[in-house]
């Protein structure tokens, strides 16, 4: 992953089990968005929904799974939830909660 990328969106969008774990080699800044906040953000800025849609569609295509054919297809919460479900079906994305060896604390947006 590089600067500006995101992770963990699938479980926030569809309310399912978490699908991402990140281990940082160095200090990093992170933004946590709760499901309700993300939904409000997606309604306010449809371009973000579009970017997530395109990323999910790409991931499905990489798995040779059925994905919406048109980049300009309408996108709403239901569409994103559907794509997340499709991706979970082909990628076995339901991860059980892990117990980190050390608790990380988020202060002023930086993971320490």
N, C-alpha and C. Protein backbone atom coordinates (compact mmCIF):
# COMPACT_ATOMS: atom_id res chain seq x y z
N UNK A 1 0.85 -1.18 0.00
CA UNK A 1 0.00 0.00 0.00
C UNK A 1 0.89 1.24 0.00
N UNK A 2 0.39 2.27 -0.59
CA UNK A 2 1.16 3.49 -0.64
C UNK A 2 0.36 4.67 -0.12
N UNK A 3 0.95 5.84 -0.17
CA UNK A 3 0.28 7.04 0.31
C UNK A 3 -1.07 7.23 -0.39
N UNK A 4 -2.08 7.59 0.39
CA UNK A 4 -3.39 7.88 -0.16
C UNK A 4 -4.27 6.68 -0.42
N UNK A 5 -3.77 5.46 -0.18
CA UNK A 5 -4.60 4.28 -0.40
C UNK A 5 -5.46 4.04 0.84
N UNK A 6 -6.43 3.15 0.69
CA UNK A 6 -7.32 2.88 1.81
C UNK A 6 -7.44 1.39 2.02
N UNK A 7 -7.93 1.02 3.21
CA UNK A 7 -8.10 -0.39 3.54
C UNK A 7 -9.27 -0.52 4.51
N UNK A 8 -9.87 -1.69 4.54
CA UNK A 8 -10.93 -1.96 5.48
C UNK A 8 -12.30 -1.44 5.08
N UNK A 9 -12.43 -0.98 3.84
CA UNK A 9 -13.69 -0.39 3.41
C UNK A 9 -14.81 -1.42 3.27
N UNK A 10 -14.48 -2.65 2.97
CA UNK A 10 -15.51 -3.65 2.72
C UNK A 10 -16.36 -3.88 3.96
N UNK A 11 -15.73 -4.09 5.10
CA UNK A 11 -16.52 -4.34 6.31
C UNK A 11 -17.27 -3.09 6.76
N UNK A 12 -16.74 -1.92 6.48
CA UNK A 12 -17.45 -0.69 6.84
C UNK A 12 -18.67 -0.51 5.93
N UNK A 13 -18.54 -0.85 4.67
CA UNK A 13 -19.65 -0.69 3.71
C UNK A 13 -20.75 -1.71 3.96
N UNK A 14 -20.37 -2.99 4.11
CA UNK A 14 -21.42 -4.01 4.19
C UNK A 14 -21.74 -4.49 5.61
N UNK A 15 -21.02 -4.02 6.59
CA UNK A 15 -21.30 -4.39 7.98
C UNK A 15 -20.86 -5.79 8.36
N UNK A 16 -20.12 -6.44 7.48
CA UNK A 16 -19.64 -7.80 7.74
C UNK A 16 -18.36 -7.81 8.56
N UNK A 17 -17.81 -9.01 8.69
CA UNK A 17 -16.56 -9.18 9.43
C UNK A 17 -15.44 -8.37 8.77
N UNK A 18 -14.48 -8.03 9.56
CA UNK A 18 -13.38 -7.21 9.06
C UNK A 18 -12.61 -7.97 8.00
N UNK A 19 -12.07 -7.21 7.05
CA UNK A 19 -11.39 -7.83 5.92
C UNK A 19 -9.96 -7.34 5.75
N UNK A 20 -9.50 -6.52 6.66
CA UNK A 20 -8.16 -5.97 6.47
C UNK A 20 -7.43 -5.88 7.80
N UNK A 21 -6.17 -6.16 7.75
CA UNK A 21 -5.25 -5.95 8.87
C UNK A 21 -4.04 -5.24 8.30
N UNK A 22 -3.60 -4.23 8.98
CA UNK A 22 -2.44 -3.49 8.51
C UNK A 22 -1.39 -3.50 9.59
N UNK A 23 -0.17 -3.79 9.19
CA UNK A 23 0.97 -3.71 10.08
C UNK A 23 1.91 -2.68 9.48
N UNK A 24 2.20 -1.64 10.22
CA UNK A 24 3.05 -0.57 9.71
C UNK A 24 4.50 -0.80 10.13
N UNK A 25 5.40 -0.62 9.19
CA UNK A 25 6.82 -0.73 9.47
C UNK A 25 7.35 0.56 10.09
N UNK A 26 6.70 1.67 9.79
CA UNK A 26 7.09 2.98 10.30
C UNK A 26 5.84 3.69 10.82
N UNK A 27 6.05 4.85 11.43
CA UNK A 27 4.92 5.65 11.87
C UNK A 27 4.07 6.02 10.66
N UNK A 28 2.77 6.11 10.89
CA UNK A 28 1.89 6.51 9.81
C UNK A 28 0.73 7.29 10.39
N UNK A 29 0.06 8.00 9.52
CA UNK A 29 -1.16 8.69 9.91
C UNK A 29 -2.33 7.93 9.31
N UNK A 30 -3.39 7.81 10.08
CA UNK A 30 -4.55 7.06 9.61
C UNK A 30 -5.82 7.81 10.00
N UNK A 31 -6.82 7.66 9.20
CA UNK A 31 -8.12 8.24 9.46
C UNK A 31 -9.11 7.11 9.61
N UNK A 32 -9.84 7.09 10.73
CA UNK A 32 -10.85 6.07 10.94
C UNK A 32 -12.20 6.66 10.62
N UNK A 33 -12.94 5.98 9.76
CA UNK A 33 -14.30 6.39 9.44
C UNK A 33 -15.24 5.29 9.89
N UNK A 34 -16.15 5.62 10.77
CA UNK A 34 -17.19 4.68 11.19
C UNK A 34 -18.16 4.54 10.03
N UNK A 35 -18.96 3.47 10.04
CA UNK A 35 -19.88 3.19 8.94
C UNK A 35 -20.81 4.35 8.66
N UNK A 36 -21.41 4.94 9.69
CA UNK A 36 -22.34 6.05 9.47
C UNK A 36 -21.64 7.25 8.85
N UNK A 37 -20.44 7.54 9.31
CA UNK A 37 -19.68 8.67 8.76
C UNK A 37 -19.32 8.42 7.31
N UNK A 38 -18.94 7.18 6.98
CA UNK A 38 -18.61 6.86 5.60
C UNK A 38 -19.84 6.99 4.70
N UNK A 39 -20.99 6.50 5.18
CA UNK A 39 -22.21 6.64 4.38
C UNK A 39 -22.55 8.10 4.11
N UNK A 40 -22.41 8.94 5.14
CA UNK A 40 -22.66 10.38 4.93
C UNK A 40 -21.68 10.97 3.92
N UNK A 41 -20.42 10.57 4.03
CA UNK A 41 -19.39 11.05 3.12
C UNK A 41 -19.69 10.62 1.68
N UNK A 42 -20.13 9.38 1.50
CA UNK A 42 -20.44 8.88 0.16
C UNK A 42 -21.65 9.59 -0.44
N UNK A 43 -22.62 9.92 0.40
CA UNK A 43 -23.78 10.67 -0.11
C UNK A 43 -23.38 12.09 -0.50
N UNK A 44 -22.52 12.69 0.29
CA UNK A 44 -22.11 14.07 0.03
C UNK A 44 -21.16 14.17 -1.16
N UNK A 45 -20.30 13.18 -1.31
CA UNK A 45 -19.29 13.20 -2.38
C UNK A 45 -19.41 11.92 -3.21
N UNK A 46 -20.32 11.91 -4.18
CA UNK A 46 -20.52 10.71 -5.00
C UNK A 46 -19.26 10.24 -5.72
N UNK A 47 -18.32 11.12 -5.93
CA UNK A 47 -17.08 10.72 -6.61
C UNK A 47 -16.30 9.69 -5.79
N UNK A 48 -16.43 9.74 -4.48
CA UNK A 48 -15.76 8.75 -3.63
C UNK A 48 -16.43 7.39 -3.81
N UNK A 49 -17.77 7.39 -3.87
CA UNK A 49 -18.50 6.14 -4.15
C UNK A 49 -18.04 5.55 -5.47
N UNK A 50 -17.86 6.40 -6.45
CA UNK A 50 -17.43 5.96 -7.78
C UNK A 50 -16.04 5.32 -7.69
N UNK A 51 -15.12 5.92 -6.95
CA UNK A 51 -13.77 5.36 -6.83
C UNK A 51 -13.80 4.00 -6.14
N UNK A 52 -14.60 3.88 -5.09
CA UNK A 52 -14.72 2.60 -4.40
C UNK A 52 -15.35 1.56 -5.32
N UNK A 53 -16.38 1.96 -6.04
CA UNK A 53 -17.04 1.09 -7.02
C UNK A 53 -16.03 0.56 -8.03
N UNK A 54 -15.22 1.45 -8.58
CA UNK A 54 -14.24 1.05 -9.59
C UNK A 54 -13.21 0.09 -9.00
N UNK A 55 -12.79 0.34 -7.76
CA UNK A 55 -11.81 -0.54 -7.12
C UNK A 55 -12.41 -1.92 -6.86
N UNK A 56 -13.64 -1.96 -6.34
CA UNK A 56 -14.29 -3.25 -6.10
C UNK A 56 -14.50 -4.01 -7.41
N UNK A 57 -14.90 -3.30 -8.44
CA UNK A 57 -15.10 -3.91 -9.75
C UNK A 57 -13.79 -4.50 -10.28
N UNK A 58 -12.71 -3.78 -10.11
CA UNK A 58 -11.39 -4.27 -10.53
C UNK A 58 -11.02 -5.54 -9.77
N UNK A 59 -11.23 -5.54 -8.46
CA UNK A 59 -10.91 -6.72 -7.66
C UNK A 59 -11.73 -7.92 -8.10
N UNK A 60 -13.01 -7.71 -8.40
CA UNK A 60 -13.85 -8.81 -8.89
C UNK A 60 -13.35 -9.33 -10.23
N UNK A 61 -12.98 -8.44 -11.11
CA UNK A 61 -12.48 -8.87 -12.42
C UNK A 61 -11.17 -9.65 -12.29
N UNK A 62 -10.33 -9.25 -11.34
CA UNK A 62 -9.09 -9.98 -11.11
C UNK A 62 -9.36 -11.42 -10.69
N UNK A 63 -10.51 -11.65 -10.08
CA UNK A 63 -10.92 -12.99 -9.64
C UNK A 63 -11.76 -13.70 -10.70
N UNK A 64 -11.91 -13.09 -11.88
CA UNK A 64 -12.75 -13.62 -12.95
C UNK A 64 -14.20 -13.83 -12.48
N UNK A 65 -14.65 -12.94 -11.61
CA UNK A 65 -16.01 -13.01 -11.08
C UNK A 65 -16.88 -11.99 -11.82
N UNK A 66 -18.18 -12.24 -11.88
CA UNK A 66 -19.07 -11.28 -12.54
C UNK A 66 -18.98 -9.91 -11.86
N UNK A 67 -18.85 -8.90 -12.67
CA UNK A 67 -18.76 -7.52 -12.16
C UNK A 67 -19.53 -6.62 -13.11
N UNK A 68 -20.03 -5.50 -12.61
CA UNK A 68 -20.74 -4.57 -13.50
C UNK A 68 -19.85 -4.19 -14.67
N UNK A 69 -20.38 -4.24 -15.89
CA UNK A 69 -19.55 -3.98 -17.06
C UNK A 69 -19.24 -2.51 -17.29
N UNK A 70 -20.13 -1.62 -16.89
CA UNK A 70 -19.96 -0.21 -17.25
C UNK A 70 -19.34 0.60 -16.11
N UNK A 71 -18.32 1.36 -16.46
CA UNK A 71 -17.70 2.24 -15.48
C UNK A 71 -18.66 3.34 -15.04
N UNK A 72 -19.60 3.69 -15.90
CA UNK A 72 -20.50 4.80 -15.59
C UNK A 72 -21.84 4.32 -15.04
N UNK A 73 -21.91 3.06 -14.59
CA UNK A 73 -23.14 2.54 -13.99
C UNK A 73 -23.48 3.36 -12.74
N UNK A 74 -24.78 3.53 -12.46
CA UNK A 74 -25.16 4.27 -11.24
C UNK A 74 -24.63 3.56 -10.00
N UNK A 75 -24.16 4.34 -9.02
CA UNK A 75 -23.59 3.79 -7.80
C UNK A 75 -24.33 4.37 -6.60
N UNK A 76 -24.81 3.48 -5.74
CA UNK A 76 -25.35 3.89 -4.46
C UNK A 76 -24.92 2.87 -3.42
N UNK A 77 -25.38 3.03 -2.19
CA UNK A 77 -24.98 2.14 -1.11
C UNK A 77 -25.31 0.69 -1.43
N UNK A 78 -26.48 0.44 -2.00
CA UNK A 78 -26.88 -0.94 -2.32
C UNK A 78 -25.93 -1.58 -3.33
N UNK A 79 -25.49 -0.82 -4.31
CA UNK A 79 -24.55 -1.34 -5.31
C UNK A 79 -23.23 -1.70 -4.64
N UNK A 80 -22.74 -0.84 -3.77
CA UNK A 80 -21.47 -1.11 -3.09
C UNK A 80 -21.59 -2.34 -2.19
N UNK A 81 -22.70 -2.47 -1.46
CA UNK A 81 -22.91 -3.63 -0.61
C UNK A 81 -22.94 -4.91 -1.45
N UNK A 82 -23.61 -4.85 -2.58
CA UNK A 82 -23.66 -6.01 -3.48
C UNK A 82 -22.26 -6.40 -3.95
N UNK A 83 -21.46 -5.43 -4.36
CA UNK A 83 -20.10 -5.74 -4.82
C UNK A 83 -19.25 -6.31 -3.70
N UNK A 84 -19.42 -5.78 -2.49
CA UNK A 84 -18.68 -6.32 -1.35
C UNK A 84 -19.06 -7.78 -1.11
N UNK A 85 -20.35 -8.08 -1.19
CA UNK A 85 -20.80 -9.46 -1.02
C UNK A 85 -20.23 -10.38 -2.08
N UNK A 86 -20.22 -9.92 -3.32
CA UNK A 86 -19.64 -10.72 -4.40
C UNK A 86 -18.16 -10.98 -4.15
N UNK A 87 -17.45 -9.95 -3.69
CA UNK A 87 -16.02 -10.10 -3.44
C UNK A 87 -15.77 -11.06 -2.28
N UNK A 88 -16.57 -10.96 -1.24
CA UNK A 88 -16.43 -11.90 -0.11
C UNK A 88 -16.62 -13.34 -0.59
N UNK A 89 -17.55 -13.55 -1.51
CA UNK A 89 -17.86 -14.90 -2.00
C UNK A 89 -16.67 -15.51 -2.75
N UNK A 90 -15.90 -14.71 -3.45
CA UNK A 90 -14.80 -15.26 -4.25
C UNK A 90 -13.45 -15.16 -3.56
N UNK A 91 -13.34 -14.34 -2.53
CA UNK A 91 -12.04 -14.15 -1.89
C UNK A 91 -11.97 -14.64 -0.46
N UNK A 92 -13.04 -15.20 0.09
CA UNK A 92 -13.04 -15.66 1.48
C UNK A 92 -12.51 -14.56 2.39
N UNK A 93 -13.21 -13.44 2.41
CA UNK A 93 -12.73 -12.26 3.12
C UNK A 93 -13.13 -12.15 4.58
N UNK A 94 -13.88 -13.09 5.11
CA UNK A 94 -14.27 -12.99 6.51
C UNK A 94 -13.13 -13.46 7.40
N UNK A 95 -12.47 -12.50 8.01
CA UNK A 95 -11.35 -12.81 8.88
C UNK A 95 -11.81 -12.75 10.32
N UNK A 96 -11.32 -13.64 11.11
CA UNK A 96 -11.68 -13.58 12.53
C UNK A 96 -10.85 -12.47 13.18
N UNK A 97 -11.39 -11.89 14.24
CA UNK A 97 -10.64 -10.82 14.91
C UNK A 97 -9.31 -11.35 15.43
N UNK A 98 -8.31 -10.53 15.28
CA UNK A 98 -6.99 -10.93 15.78
C UNK A 98 -6.73 -10.18 17.08
N UNK A 99 -5.87 -10.73 17.88
CA UNK A 99 -5.46 -10.07 19.11
C UNK A 99 -4.03 -9.61 18.92
N UNK A 100 -3.83 -8.32 18.77
CA UNK A 100 -2.46 -7.85 18.54
C UNK A 100 -1.59 -8.08 19.77
N UNK A 101 -0.33 -8.33 19.52
CA UNK A 101 0.62 -8.52 20.60
C UNK A 101 0.76 -7.23 21.41
N UNK A 102 0.54 -6.13 20.78
CA UNK A 102 0.68 -4.83 21.43
C UNK A 102 -0.50 -3.97 20.99
N UNK A 103 -1.09 -3.25 21.92
CA UNK A 103 -2.20 -2.37 21.57
C UNK A 103 -1.66 -1.09 20.96
N UNK A 104 -2.25 -0.69 19.87
CA UNK A 104 -1.87 0.55 19.21
C UNK A 104 -2.84 1.65 19.63
N UNK A 105 -2.34 2.82 19.85
CA UNK A 105 -3.18 3.94 20.22
C UNK A 105 -3.14 4.98 19.13
N UNK A 106 -4.29 5.52 18.84
CA UNK A 106 -4.39 6.53 17.82
C UNK A 106 -4.43 7.89 18.50
N UNK A 107 -3.45 8.71 18.25
CA UNK A 107 -3.39 10.05 18.82
C UNK A 107 -3.13 11.05 17.72
N UNK A 108 -4.01 12.01 17.64
CA UNK A 108 -3.87 13.05 16.63
C UNK A 108 -3.66 12.48 15.24
N UNK A 109 -4.31 11.37 14.95
CA UNK A 109 -4.24 10.79 13.62
C UNK A 109 -3.00 9.96 13.34
N UNK A 110 -2.11 9.81 14.30
CA UNK A 110 -0.89 9.03 14.06
C UNK A 110 -0.94 7.74 14.85
N UNK A 111 -0.61 6.65 14.23
CA UNK A 111 -0.52 5.37 14.93
C UNK A 111 0.85 5.30 15.58
N UNK A 112 0.87 4.98 16.87
CA UNK A 112 2.15 4.92 17.57
C UNK A 112 2.42 3.53 18.06
